[in-house]
N, C-alpha and C. Protein backbone atom coordinates (compact mmCIF):
# COMPACT_ATOMS: atom_id res chain seq x y z
N UNK A 1 -12.81 15.86 -9.40
CA UNK A 1 -13.72 14.04 -9.56
C UNK A 1 -11.97 13.92 -8.14
N UNK A 2 -12.14 13.68 -6.78
CA UNK A 2 -11.54 12.78 -5.93
C UNK A 2 -11.36 11.95 -5.83
N UNK A 3 -10.12 11.32 -5.54
CA UNK A 3 -9.39 10.01 -4.50
C UNK A 3 -8.59 10.45 -3.60
N UNK A 4 -8.98 9.50 -2.91
CA UNK A 4 -8.16 8.59 -1.55
C UNK A 4 -7.27 7.94 -1.93
N UNK A 5 -6.33 8.11 -1.42
CA UNK A 5 -4.74 6.94 -2.05
C UNK A 5 -4.40 6.97 0.04
N UNK A 6 -4.19 5.91 0.49
CA UNK A 6 -4.35 5.72 1.72
C UNK A 6 -3.08 4.04 1.76
N UNK A 7 -1.99 4.74 2.24
CA UNK A 7 -0.79 4.10 2.19
C UNK A 7 -0.53 3.55 3.78
N UNK A 8 -0.82 1.97 3.94
CA UNK A 8 -1.00 1.45 5.02
C UNK A 8 0.83 1.30 5.45
N UNK A 9 0.94 1.75 6.95
CA UNK A 9 2.26 1.65 8.34
C UNK A 9 2.15 1.80 9.44
N UNK A 10 3.27 2.17 10.20
CA UNK A 10 2.85 2.53 11.27
C UNK A 10 3.58 3.52 11.55
N UNK A 11 3.35 4.60 12.35
CA UNK A 11 4.29 5.32 12.56
C UNK A 11 5.15 5.68 13.94
N UNK A 12 6.28 6.23 13.65
CA UNK A 12 7.07 5.95 14.82
C UNK A 12 8.01 5.67 14.07
N UNK A 13 9.42 6.06 13.99
CA UNK A 13 10.61 5.93 13.60
C UNK A 13 11.48 4.84 14.01
N UNK A 14 10.39 3.76 14.74
CA UNK A 14 11.51 2.23 14.52
C UNK A 14 10.43 1.74 13.69
N UNK A 15 9.28 2.33 12.87
CA UNK A 15 9.17 1.42 11.49
C UNK A 15 9.32 2.28 10.18
N UNK A 16 9.70 3.25 10.61
CA UNK A 16 10.60 4.06 8.99
C UNK A 16 10.78 3.19 7.90
N UNK A 17 11.58 2.42 7.91
CA UNK A 17 12.57 1.60 7.25
C UNK A 17 12.26 0.07 7.32
N UNK A 18 11.18 -0.13 7.56
CA UNK A 18 11.17 -1.46 7.76
C UNK A 18 9.71 -1.77 6.48
N UNK A 19 9.58 -3.05 6.13
CA UNK A 19 8.84 -3.35 4.66
C UNK A 19 7.40 -3.39 5.22
N UNK A 20 6.94 -3.07 6.32
CA UNK A 20 5.15 -3.02 6.14
C UNK A 20 4.90 -2.02 6.45
N UNK A 21 6.45 -0.36 6.62
CA UNK A 21 5.59 0.90 5.48
C UNK A 21 6.54 0.95 4.57
N UNK A 22 6.04 0.00 3.89
CA UNK A 22 6.56 0.27 2.10
C UNK A 22 4.94 1.54 1.71
N UNK A 23 4.01 1.37 2.16
CA UNK A 23 2.71 1.82 2.07
C UNK A 23 3.25 3.56 2.11
N UNK A 24 3.62 3.18 3.15
CA UNK A 24 3.62 5.00 3.40
C UNK A 24 4.95 5.78 2.90
N UNK A 25 6.16 4.41 2.41
CA UNK A 25 7.36 5.19 1.54
C UNK A 25 6.26 5.43 0.08
N UNK A 26 5.74 5.18 -0.20
CA UNK A 26 4.87 4.74 -1.47
C UNK A 26 3.73 6.72 -1.33
N UNK A 27 3.66 6.72 -0.43
CA UNK A 27 2.67 7.38 -0.43
C UNK A 27 3.80 9.47 0.38
N UNK A 28 4.37 8.95 0.42
CA UNK A 28 5.49 10.13 0.06
C UNK A 28 6.29 10.18 -0.63
N UNK A 29 6.60 9.55 -1.98
CA UNK A 29 6.88 9.81 -3.12
C UNK A 29 5.73 10.04 -3.58
N UNK A 30 4.85 9.63 -4.00
CA UNK A 30 3.58 10.19 -4.60
C UNK A 30 3.34 11.65 -4.10
N UNK A 31 2.68 12.12 -3.19
CA UNK A 31 2.91 13.49 -2.51
C UNK A 31 3.97 14.46 -2.95
N UNK A 32 5.53 14.16 -3.05
CA UNK A 32 6.13 14.74 -3.23
C UNK A 32 6.51 15.03 -4.55
N UNK A 33 5.75 13.85 -5.37
CA UNK A 33 6.04 14.16 -6.69
C UNK A 33 4.56 15.17 -7.65
N UNK A 34 3.90 15.43 -6.72
CA UNK A 34 2.71 16.37 -7.14
C UNK A 34 2.79 17.53 -5.82
N UNK A 35 4.09 17.99 -5.17
CA UNK A 35 4.38 19.15 -4.97
C UNK A 35 3.24 19.73 -3.20
N UNK A 36 2.92 18.12 -2.85
CA UNK A 36 2.09 18.27 -1.89
C UNK A 36 2.78 18.50 -0.93
N UNK A 37 2.31 18.63 0.15
CA UNK A 37 2.76 18.96 1.51
C UNK A 37 1.46 17.86 2.66
N UNK A 38 1.83 17.31 3.50
CA UNK A 38 1.38 16.28 4.57
C UNK A 38 1.32 17.31 5.94
N UNK A 39 0.22 17.73 5.86
CA UNK A 39 -0.27 17.74 7.69
C UNK A 39 -1.22 17.11 8.34
N UNK A 40 -1.12 17.18 9.92
CA UNK A 40 -1.38 16.00 10.53
C UNK A 40 -2.77 16.17 11.10
N UNK A 41 -3.54 15.89 10.63
CA UNK A 41 -5.22 15.73 10.58
C UNK A 41 -5.70 14.30 11.50
N UNK A 42 -7.29 14.60 11.69
CA UNK A 42 -7.55 13.99 12.39
C UNK A 42 -7.16 11.61 11.77
N UNK A 43 -7.03 11.26 12.31
CA UNK A 43 -6.64 9.94 11.93
C UNK A 43 -5.33 9.57 11.39
N UNK A 44 -4.78 10.73 11.57
CA UNK A 44 -3.54 10.86 9.82
C UNK A 44 -3.39 12.03 9.77
N UNK A 45 -2.07 11.77 9.00
CA UNK A 45 -1.26 12.70 7.94
C UNK A 45 -2.17 13.14 6.51
N UNK A 46 -2.23 13.72 6.39
CA UNK A 46 -3.09 14.02 4.83
C UNK A 46 -2.54 15.16 3.57
N UNK A 47 -2.09 14.74 2.90
CA UNK A 47 -2.02 15.54 1.76
C UNK A 47 -2.54 16.14 0.68
N UNK A 48 -2.39 16.97 -0.17
CA UNK A 48 -3.43 17.38 -1.08
C UNK A 48 -2.54 17.56 -2.37
N UNK A 49 -2.88 16.86 -3.71
CA UNK A 49 -2.28 17.56 -4.90
C UNK A 49 -3.30 17.08 -5.63
N UNK A 50 -3.18 17.54 -7.05
CA UNK A 50 -3.66 17.36 -8.50
C UNK A 50 -3.10 17.16 -9.21
N UNK A 51 -4.12 15.76 -10.09
CA UNK A 51 -3.01 15.13 -11.42
C UNK A 51 -4.27 14.79 -12.42
N UNK A 52 -3.51 16.15 -13.80
CA UNK A 52 -3.97 15.94 -15.14
C UNK A 52 -6.19 16.04 -14.52
N UNK A 53 -6.11 16.78 -13.43
CA UNK A 53 -7.81 17.75 -13.28
C UNK A 53 -8.06 16.18 -11.62
N UNK A 54 -7.68 15.80 -12.06
CA UNK A 54 -8.17 14.95 -10.50
C UNK A 54 -7.34 15.07 -8.93
N UNK A 55 -7.77 15.03 -8.39
CA UNK A 55 -7.67 15.54 -6.97
C UNK A 55 -7.52 14.08 -6.10
N UNK A 56 -6.55 14.21 -5.63
CA UNK A 56 -5.48 13.33 -4.71
C UNK A 56 -5.48 13.76 -3.12
N UNK A 57 -5.89 13.08 -2.15
CA UNK A 57 -5.98 13.07 -1.01
C UNK A 57 -5.30 11.64 -0.49
N UNK A 58 -4.14 12.60 -0.32
CA UNK A 58 -2.44 11.12 -0.12
C UNK A 58 -2.63 10.78 1.36
N UNK A 59 -3.19 9.82 2.28
CA UNK A 59 -3.21 9.54 3.81
C UNK A 59 -2.26 8.28 4.09
N UNK A 60 -1.91 8.60 5.30
CA UNK A 60 -0.86 7.67 6.17
C UNK A 60 -1.33 8.01 7.03
N UNK A 61 -2.83 7.01 7.62
CA UNK A 61 -2.90 6.72 9.22
C UNK A 61 -2.56 6.99 10.17
N UNK A 62 -2.46 7.31 11.11
CA UNK A 62 -1.86 7.40 12.80
C UNK A 62 -2.41 6.33 13.36
N UNK A 63 -2.90 5.98 12.80
CA UNK A 63 -4.00 4.69 14.11
C UNK A 63 -3.15 3.30 14.52
N UNK A 64 -2.08 2.88 13.54
CA UNK A 64 -1.05 2.04 13.07
C UNK A 64 -1.93 1.02 13.22
N UNK A 65 -1.70 -0.31 12.12
CA UNK A 65 -1.77 -1.16 11.11
C UNK A 65 -3.39 -1.59 11.54
N UNK A 66 -3.74 -2.37 12.63
CA UNK A 66 -4.75 -2.93 13.26
C UNK A 66 -6.13 -2.02 13.19
N UNK A 67 -5.80 -0.59 13.01
CA UNK A 67 -7.23 0.15 12.71
C UNK A 67 -6.99 1.05 11.49
N UNK A 68 -6.41 0.93 11.27
CA UNK A 68 -5.99 1.72 9.72
C UNK A 68 -7.76 1.49 8.95
N UNK A 69 -8.24 1.05 9.39
CA UNK A 69 -10.40 0.75 8.56
C UNK A 69 -10.97 2.05 9.21
N UNK A 70 -10.41 2.23 10.41
CA UNK A 70 -11.07 3.63 10.88
C UNK A 70 -11.16 4.77 9.91
N UNK A 71 -9.77 4.98 9.90
CA UNK A 71 -9.02 6.43 9.19
C UNK A 71 -9.02 6.67 7.90
N UNK A 72 -9.43 5.06 7.17
CA UNK A 72 -10.14 5.28 5.89
C UNK A 72 -11.50 5.63 5.57
N UNK A 73 -12.46 4.45 6.41
CA UNK A 73 -13.99 5.23 6.53
C UNK A 73 -14.01 7.01 6.74
N UNK A 74 -12.75 7.20 7.86
CA UNK A 74 -13.55 8.97 8.29
C UNK A 74 -12.78 9.32 6.92
N UNK A 75 -11.90 9.41 6.84
CA UNK A 75 -11.50 10.71 5.48
C UNK A 75 -12.97 10.49 3.45
N UNK A 76 -13.25 8.39 3.65
CA UNK A 76 -14.20 8.71 2.58
C UNK A 76 -15.18 9.92 3.25
N UNK A 77 -15.58 9.04 4.54
CA UNK A 77 -17.35 10.07 4.10
C UNK A 77 -16.84 11.12 4.22
N UNK A 78 -16.09 11.73 5.23
CA UNK A 78 -15.55 13.10 5.63
C UNK A 78 -15.53 13.84 4.18
N UNK A 79 -15.21 13.51 2.99
CA UNK A 79 -14.48 13.65 1.64
C UNK A 79 -15.97 13.18 0.93
N UNK A 80 -16.83 12.79 1.28
CA UNK A 80 -17.52 12.15 0.32
C UNK A 80 -16.90 11.43 -0.63
N UNK A 81 -16.25 10.78 -0.91
CA UNK A 81 -15.32 9.88 -1.76
C UNK A 81 -16.10 8.30 -1.72
N UNK A 82 -16.04 7.90 -3.32
CA UNK A 82 -16.87 6.35 -2.55
C UNK A 82 -15.96 5.43 -2.55
N UNK A 83 -16.38 4.27 -3.16
CA UNK A 83 -15.50 3.26 -2.86
C UNK A 83 -14.25 3.19 -3.99
N UNK A 84 -15.00 3.18 -5.17
CA UNK A 84 -14.59 2.79 -6.54
C UNK A 84 -13.20 4.15 -7.03
N UNK A 85 -13.61 5.30 -5.79
CA UNK A 85 -12.39 6.00 -6.05
C UNK A 85 -11.42 6.00 -4.69
N UNK A 86 -11.27 4.73 -3.84
CA UNK A 86 -9.61 4.57 -3.49
C UNK A 86 -9.11 3.66 -3.23
N UNK A 87 -8.01 4.11 -3.55
CA UNK A 87 -6.68 2.75 -3.19
C UNK A 87 -5.85 2.87 -2.11
N UNK A 88 -5.51 1.57 -1.78
CA UNK A 88 -4.97 0.91 -0.76
C UNK A 88 -3.90 0.77 -1.67
N UNK A 89 -2.58 1.68 -0.73
CA UNK A 89 -1.52 0.42 -0.66
C UNK A 89 -0.60 -0.57 -0.04
N UNK A 90 -0.83 -0.97 -0.03
CA UNK A 90 0.01 -2.44 1.03
C UNK A 90 1.52 -3.54 0.86
N UNK A 91 1.50 -3.45 1.61
CA UNK A 91 3.00 -4.81 1.75
C UNK A 91 2.24 -5.71 1.33
N UNK A 92 3.03 -6.99 1.04
CA UNK A 92 2.42 -8.11 0.59
C UNK A 92 3.67 -9.27 0.23
N UNK A 93 3.84 -9.84 1.39
CA UNK A 93 4.50 -11.23 1.70
C UNK A 93 4.06 -12.06 0.77
N UNK A 94 3.21 -11.91 0.33
CA UNK A 94 2.23 -13.44 -0.44
C UNK A 94 3.03 -13.59 -1.84
N UNK A 95 3.83 -12.70 -2.45
CA UNK A 95 4.34 -12.15 -4.04
C UNK A 95 5.51 -12.20 -3.65
N UNK A 96 6.71 -12.17 -4.32
CA UNK A 96 7.53 -12.28 -4.91
C UNK A 96 8.50 -10.52 -4.59
N UNK A 97 9.62 -9.97 -3.67
CA UNK A 97 10.09 -8.72 -3.37
C UNK A 97 10.00 -8.50 -5.29
N UNK A 98 9.27 -6.95 -5.47
CA UNK A 98 9.63 -6.44 -7.04
C UNK A 98 8.70 -6.95 -7.68
N UNK A 99 7.91 -7.79 -6.98
CA UNK A 99 5.94 -7.95 -7.64
C UNK A 99 5.35 -6.78 -7.79
N UNK A 100 4.53 -6.32 -8.42
CA UNK A 100 3.12 -5.16 -7.86
C UNK A 100 2.06 -5.61 -8.96
N UNK A 101 1.22 -5.79 -7.74
CA UNK A 101 0.43 -5.86 -8.48
C UNK A 101 -1.78 -5.40 -8.11
N UNK A 102 -1.99 -4.69 -9.15
CA UNK A 102 -3.19 -3.80 -8.29
C UNK A 102 -4.54 -4.88 -8.65
N UNK A 103 -5.49 -5.10 -7.52
CA UNK A 103 -6.51 -5.79 -7.25
C UNK A 103 -7.68 -4.86 -7.44
N UNK A 104 -8.99 -4.99 -7.10
CA UNK A 104 -10.23 -4.48 -7.51
C UNK A 104 -10.67 -4.71 -6.16
N UNK A 105 -10.30 -6.18 -5.39
CA UNK A 105 -10.84 -6.37 -4.20
C UNK A 105 -10.21 -8.49 -4.20
N UNK A 106 -10.13 -9.13 -2.92
CA UNK A 106 -9.39 -9.47 -2.57
C UNK A 106 -9.22 -10.02 -0.87
N UNK A 107 -8.29 -10.96 -0.36
CA UNK A 107 -9.01 -11.43 1.01
C UNK A 107 -7.44 -10.99 1.07
N UNK A 108 -7.27 -10.56 3.14
CA UNK A 108 -6.68 -9.65 3.44
C UNK A 108 -5.73 -10.64 3.58
N UNK A 109 -5.31 -11.74 3.48
CA UNK A 109 -3.86 -12.31 3.20
C UNK A 109 -2.93 -12.79 4.57
N UNK A 110 -3.71 -12.87 5.70
CA UNK A 110 -2.93 -12.55 7.23
C UNK A 110 -2.94 -11.18 8.06
N UNK A 111 -2.94 -9.94 6.79
CA UNK A 111 -2.64 -8.72 6.90
C UNK A 111 -3.18 -7.54 7.87
N UNK A 112 -3.15 -7.27 8.36
CA UNK A 112 -3.31 -6.39 9.71
C UNK A 112 -4.50 -5.28 9.82
N UNK A 113 -3.92 -4.30 8.21
CA UNK A 113 -3.96 -3.42 8.30
C UNK A 113 -5.50 -3.21 7.01
N UNK A 114 -5.31 -5.09 6.43
CA UNK A 114 -6.66 -5.22 5.09
C UNK A 114 -7.46 -5.53 6.49
N UNK A 115 -7.43 -6.50 7.33
CA UNK A 115 -8.40 -6.94 7.55
C UNK A 115 -8.91 -6.07 8.47
N UNK A 116 -9.01 -4.75 8.76
CA UNK A 116 -9.44 -3.72 9.54
C UNK A 116 -10.31 -2.65 8.58
N UNK A 117 -9.66 -3.07 7.24
CA UNK A 117 -10.35 -2.29 6.34
C UNK A 117 -11.66 -2.89 6.27
N UNK A 118 -11.63 -4.65 6.31
CA UNK A 118 -12.91 -4.71 5.56
C UNK A 118 -13.93 -4.78 6.86
N UNK A 119 -13.42 -5.64 7.94
CA UNK A 119 -13.95 -5.26 8.93
C UNK A 119 -15.19 -3.82 9.28
N UNK A 120 -14.07 -3.10 8.65
CA UNK A 120 -15.24 -1.60 9.06
C UNK A 120 -15.91 -1.34 7.01
N UNK A 121 -15.23 -2.02 5.84
CA UNK A 121 -16.50 -2.01 5.10
C UNK A 121 -17.41 -2.73 5.33
N UNK A 122 -16.77 -4.13 5.92
CA UNK A 122 -17.84 -5.05 6.07
C UNK A 122 -18.29 -5.97 4.19
N UNK A 123 -16.54 -6.40 4.02
CA UNK A 123 -16.30 -6.58 2.44
C UNK A 123 -14.95 -6.34 2.00
N UNK A 124 -14.53 -7.34 0.95
CA UNK A 124 -13.18 -6.86 0.55
C UNK A 124 -13.43 -6.37 -0.84
N UNK A 125 -14.24 -5.26 -1.16
CA UNK A 125 -14.40 -5.70 -2.27
C UNK A 125 -13.97 -4.08 -2.49
N UNK A 126 -12.75 -4.10 -2.65
CA UNK A 126 -11.81 -2.80 -2.57
C UNK A 126 -10.79 -2.41 -3.37
N UNK A 127 -10.33 -1.50 -4.32
CA UNK A 127 -8.95 -1.87 -4.89
C UNK A 127 -7.94 -1.60 -3.99
N UNK A 128 -6.93 -1.91 -3.94
CA UNK A 128 -5.48 -2.08 -3.12
C UNK A 128 -4.19 -2.62 -4.46
N UNK A 129 -3.32 -1.80 -3.94
CA UNK A 129 -2.08 -1.67 -4.70
C UNK A 129 -0.94 -2.60 -3.65
N UNK A 130 -0.94 -4.37 -4.46
CA UNK A 130 0.06 -4.93 -3.70
C UNK A 130 1.11 -5.02 -3.99
N UNK A 131 2.30 -4.72 -2.91
CA UNK A 131 3.54 -4.26 -3.03
C UNK A 131 3.78 -5.69 -2.50
N UNK A 132 4.92 -6.60 -3.91
CA UNK A 132 5.59 -7.95 -2.92
C UNK A 132 6.91 -7.27 -2.16
N UNK A 133 6.88 -8.30 -0.81
CA UNK A 133 8.23 -7.74 0.31
C UNK A 133 8.67 -8.90 0.14
N UNK A 134 7.96 -9.89 -0.63
CA UNK A 134 8.64 -11.66 -0.46
C UNK A 134 8.49 -11.92 0.60
N UNK A 135 9.07 -13.60 0.72
CA UNK A 135 9.17 -14.66 1.73
C UNK A 135 10.31 -15.09 2.24
N UNK A 136 11.24 -14.35 2.20
CA UNK A 136 12.88 -15.34 2.53
C UNK A 136 12.72 -15.21 3.78
N UNK A 137 12.35 -15.84 4.60
CA UNK A 137 12.83 -16.17 6.42
C UNK A 137 12.03 -16.97 6.84
N UNK A 138 13.22 -17.48 7.60
CA UNK A 138 12.83 -18.93 8.71
C UNK A 138 11.72 -19.15 8.87
N UNK A 139 11.07 -20.57 8.93
CA UNK A 139 9.55 -20.92 9.46
C UNK A 139 9.58 -19.75 11.08
N UNK A 140 8.54 -19.73 11.22
CA UNK A 140 7.92 -18.63 12.20
C UNK A 140 8.75 -17.49 12.60
N UNK A 141 9.76 -16.76 11.77
CA UNK A 141 10.20 -15.81 11.34
C UNK A 141 9.60 -14.19 10.93
N UNK A 142 7.87 -15.38 10.76
CA UNK A 142 7.77 -14.15 9.79
C UNK A 142 7.31 -12.73 10.60
N UNK A 143 7.39 -12.61 11.77
CA UNK A 143 6.93 -10.81 12.43
C UNK A 143 7.75 -10.42 11.91
N UNK A 144 9.25 -11.06 12.73
CA UNK A 144 9.96 -10.42 12.26
C UNK A 144 10.30 -9.69 10.77
N UNK A 145 10.31 -10.59 10.31
CA UNK A 145 10.78 -10.54 8.31
C UNK A 145 9.79 -9.07 8.08
N UNK A 146 9.03 -8.76 8.36
CA UNK A 146 7.47 -7.72 7.96
C UNK A 146 8.14 -6.21 8.88
N UNK A 147 8.56 -6.74 9.82
CA UNK A 147 9.04 -5.79 10.77
C UNK A 147 10.03 -5.36 10.75
N UNK A 148 10.85 -6.53 10.19
CA UNK A 148 12.24 -5.85 9.80
C UNK A 148 12.69 -4.87 8.82
N UNK A 149 13.99 -4.32 8.84
CA UNK A 149 14.59 -3.73 8.22
C UNK A 149 15.16 -4.18 6.52
N UNK A 150 14.96 -3.54 5.66
CA UNK A 150 15.45 -3.84 4.03
C UNK A 150 16.66 -3.83 4.28
N UNK A 151 17.04 -5.10 3.95
CA UNK A 151 18.24 -5.77 3.12
C UNK A 151 19.45 -4.36 2.33
N UNK A 152 20.75 -4.18 2.50
CA UNK A 152 21.31 -3.86 1.50
C UNK A 152 20.68 -4.03 -0.22
N UNK A 153 20.64 -4.90 -0.26
CA UNK A 153 20.06 -5.67 -1.79
C UNK A 153 19.21 -4.67 -2.01
N UNK A 154 17.92 -4.83 -1.28
CA UNK A 154 16.70 -4.86 -1.49
C UNK A 154 16.74 -3.06 -1.33
N UNK A 155 17.53 -2.07 -0.42
CA UNK A 155 17.40 -0.73 -0.63
C UNK A 155 18.29 0.30 -1.75
N UNK A 156 18.78 -0.82 -2.60
CA UNK A 156 19.44 -0.42 -4.05
C UNK A 156 18.25 -0.75 -5.16
N UNK A 157 17.27 -1.32 -4.92
CA UNK A 157 16.23 -1.51 -5.66
C UNK A 157 14.83 -0.94 -5.66
N UNK A 158 14.73 -0.48 -4.07
CA UNK A 158 13.36 0.20 -4.00
C UNK A 158 13.05 1.63 -4.43
N UNK A 159 13.78 2.52 -5.07
CA UNK A 159 13.54 3.36 -5.54
C UNK A 159 12.76 2.97 -6.89
N UNK A 160 12.69 2.28 -7.85
CA UNK A 160 12.48 1.59 -8.77
C UNK A 160 10.61 1.30 -8.40
N UNK A 161 10.82 0.60 -7.91
CA UNK A 161 9.37 -0.18 -7.49
C UNK A 161 9.27 1.33 -6.74
N UNK A 162 9.71 2.07 -6.13
CA UNK A 162 8.65 3.28 -5.97
C UNK A 162 8.20 4.19 -6.87
N UNK A 163 9.40 3.96 -7.38
CA UNK A 163 8.98 5.53 -8.43
C UNK A 163 7.54 4.47 -9.36
N UNK A 164 7.79 3.00 -9.37
CA UNK A 164 6.79 2.24 -10.36
C UNK A 164 5.39 2.71 -9.68
N UNK A 165 5.36 2.33 -8.36
CA UNK A 165 4.23 2.27 -7.52
C UNK A 165 3.45 3.73 -7.47
N UNK A 166 3.96 4.98 -7.39
CA UNK A 166 3.38 5.90 -7.70
C UNK A 166 3.37 6.14 -8.87
N UNK A 167 3.35 6.09 -9.89
CA UNK A 167 2.88 6.03 -11.31
C UNK A 167 1.76 5.13 -11.43
N UNK A 168 1.76 3.94 -10.74
CA UNK A 168 0.83 3.23 -10.50
C UNK A 168 -0.50 3.72 -10.09
N UNK A 169 -0.49 4.66 -8.68
CA UNK A 169 -1.12 5.07 -8.47
C UNK A 169 -1.51 6.74 -9.52
N UNK A 170 -1.15 7.08 -10.36
CA UNK A 170 -1.44 8.29 -10.57
C UNK A 170 -2.54 7.75 -12.14
N UNK A 171 -2.22 6.56 -12.36
CA UNK A 171 -2.88 6.10 -13.71
C UNK A 171 -4.40 5.41 -13.35
N UNK A 172 -3.89 5.28 -12.23
CA UNK A 172 -5.88 4.60 -11.65
C UNK A 172 -6.65 6.00 -11.15
N UNK A 173 -6.05 7.13 -11.25
CA UNK A 173 -6.77 8.00 -10.89
C UNK A 173 -6.86 8.74 -12.03
N UNK A 174 -5.91 8.43 -12.94
CA UNK A 174 -6.57 9.17 -14.72
C UNK A 174 -7.36 8.08 -15.51
N UNK A 175 -6.75 6.87 -15.25
CA UNK A 175 -7.35 5.61 -16.40
C UNK A 175 -8.38 4.90 -15.98
N UNK A 176 -8.51 4.66 -14.75
CA UNK A 176 -9.27 3.44 -13.97
C UNK A 176 -8.69 2.31 -13.64
N UNK A 177 -9.01 1.74 -12.86
CA UNK A 177 -8.85 0.42 -12.56
C UNK A 177 -8.46 -0.43 -13.27
N UNK A 178 -9.01 -0.97 -14.51
CA UNK A 178 -8.97 -2.13 -16.03
C UNK A 178 -7.62 -1.54 -16.44
N UNK A 179 -7.28 -0.36 -17.06
CA UNK A 179 -6.80 0.16 -17.69
C UNK A 179 -5.86 -0.05 -16.70
N UNK A 180 -5.30 0.41 -16.36
CA UNK A 180 -4.30 0.91 -14.75
C UNK A 180 -3.30 -0.29 -14.63
N UNK A 181 -4.69 -1.79 -14.09
CA UNK A 181 -3.49 -3.55 -14.30
C UNK A 181 -3.22 -3.58 -14.94
N UNK A 182 -3.76 -3.76 -16.71
CA UNK A 182 -2.71 -3.77 -17.56
C UNK A 182 -1.20 -2.46 -17.58
N UNK A 183 -0.94 -1.83 -16.56
CA UNK A 183 0.36 -0.80 -16.85
C UNK A 183 0.57 -1.42 -15.87
N UNK A 184 0.13 -1.50 -14.85
CA UNK A 184 1.24 -1.65 -13.53
C UNK A 184 1.64 -2.66 -13.14
N UNK A 185 0.83 -4.01 -13.42
CA UNK A 185 1.39 -5.12 -12.68
C UNK A 185 2.12 -5.52 -13.35
N UNK A 186 3.81 -5.98 -12.81
CA UNK A 186 4.48 -6.28 -13.34
C UNK A 186 5.40 -7.15 -11.98
N UNK A 187 6.51 -7.78 -12.81
CA UNK A 187 7.35 -8.39 -11.71
C UNK A 187 8.81 -7.53 -12.53
N UNK A 188 8.87 -6.55 -11.33
CA UNK A 188 10.26 -5.76 -12.08
C UNK A 188 11.50 -5.94 -11.63
N UNK A 189 12.02 -7.53 -11.15
CA UNK A 189 12.38 -8.13 -10.61
C UNK A 189 12.69 -9.15 -11.08
N UNK A 190 13.87 -9.72 -11.36
CA UNK A 190 13.70 -11.86 -11.11
C UNK A 190 13.38 -11.79 -9.60
N UNK A 191 12.60 -12.76 -9.30
CA UNK A 191 12.28 -13.21 -7.35
C UNK A 191 14.30 -14.04 -7.32
N UNK A 192 14.59 -14.27 -6.01
CA UNK A 192 15.76 -14.75 -5.47
C UNK A 192 15.18 -16.12 -5.31
N UNK A 193 15.80 -16.95 -5.66
CA UNK A 193 15.83 -18.52 -5.75
C UNK A 193 14.59 -18.63 -4.45
N UNK A 194 15.47 -18.41 -3.81
CA UNK A 194 15.08 -18.63 -2.35
C UNK A 194 13.42 -18.73 -2.29
N UNK A 195 12.86 -17.71 -2.95
CA UNK A 195 11.75 -17.51 -2.00
C UNK A 195 10.57 -18.01 -3.15
N UNK A 196 8.71 -18.19 -2.16
CA UNK A 196 8.51 -19.16 -3.35
C UNK A 196 7.03 -18.38 -2.97
N UNK A 197 6.88 -17.57 -4.24
CA UNK A 197 5.55 -17.33 -4.67
C UNK A 197 3.93 -17.84 -4.35
N UNK A 198 3.46 -17.54 -2.99
CA UNK A 198 1.64 -17.97 -2.92
C UNK A 198 0.93 -17.78 -3.50
N UNK A 199 0.63 -16.55 -2.73
CA UNK A 199 -0.58 -15.69 -3.24
C UNK A 199 -1.88 -16.22 -2.83
N UNK A 200 -1.30 -16.75 -0.96
CA UNK A 200 -2.75 -17.12 -0.52
C UNK A 200 -3.03 -15.86 0.18
N UNK A 201 -4.49 -16.78 1.23
CA UNK A 201 -4.64 -15.58 2.39
C UNK A 201 -5.53 -16.56 3.43
N UNK A 202 -3.73 -17.18 3.29
CA UNK A 202 -3.53 -18.26 4.57
C UNK A 202 -2.39 -18.16 5.76
N UNK A 203 -1.52 -16.88 5.41
CA UNK A 203 -1.02 -16.96 6.07
C UNK A 203 -1.18 -16.01 7.10
N UNK A 204 0.11 -16.62 8.56
CA UNK A 204 -0.36 -15.92 9.63
C UNK A 204 -0.66 -14.28 9.88
N UNK A 205 -1.19 -13.47 10.71
CA UNK A 205 -1.52 -12.44 10.96
C UNK A 205 -0.21 -11.68 11.41
N UNK A 206 -0.19 -10.28 10.94
CA UNK A 206 1.09 -9.22 11.27
C UNK A 206 0.31 -7.65 11.16
C-alpha cells in the first residue's frame, strides 16, 4: 500500500527557516526517520521509505507554493495513489503555534498552496495536517510574518512539534485518518496570550 505525503513550502535558501516552510521541515524529519533520501525529480524532491509494510513517498514540491497542486497531481497519477492515501503538511496561521490538527477536508484559509491543490482537484476533500504557526503579528503584516523566520522561543519548541507531526504521518499511513485524528490532534503548548485562534477561511492569501 502506497501513501503520498506532501510537505508544502517554497524552495530556496531564503525560505528554509521561515514559518511558511514548516511542511518541508516535517517532510525532512519524516524522511530521516525512515532513512529515506531525497532525490530531485519532476516537480520536486522525492524520498521513498517504508513504515510497517506501507510505502511512503515523501514529496517537497519545487513549484513554489502557488503551484503546489501541480506537483501533487503529477505524483498521484504517476504512482497511482488515491486521494484517500494522500496527506498534505501545511502551515496554518488560523490556529495557534503548537496546535496540530489532522483533518479530512476543509477550506484553503487563504493559503495559496491549499488553494492550488483545490484548483487541481476541483474540491477540498483531501486530508491535511494543519500545523499552527499562530497569528502574532500587527495588522497588515501577515505576509511578513508568514514568510519571516521563527522567533528564538519558537525555535526551542519546534523539535517537539516536528516529532509530533512526523509521528502523525506514520500513524495516518498505518491506522488511517479517523484513528489518527484522535492521536494527533493536540495543543502541544499553551498559546501566548497575544494570539487569537480564529480557525476561519477568511484571511488574506499568502
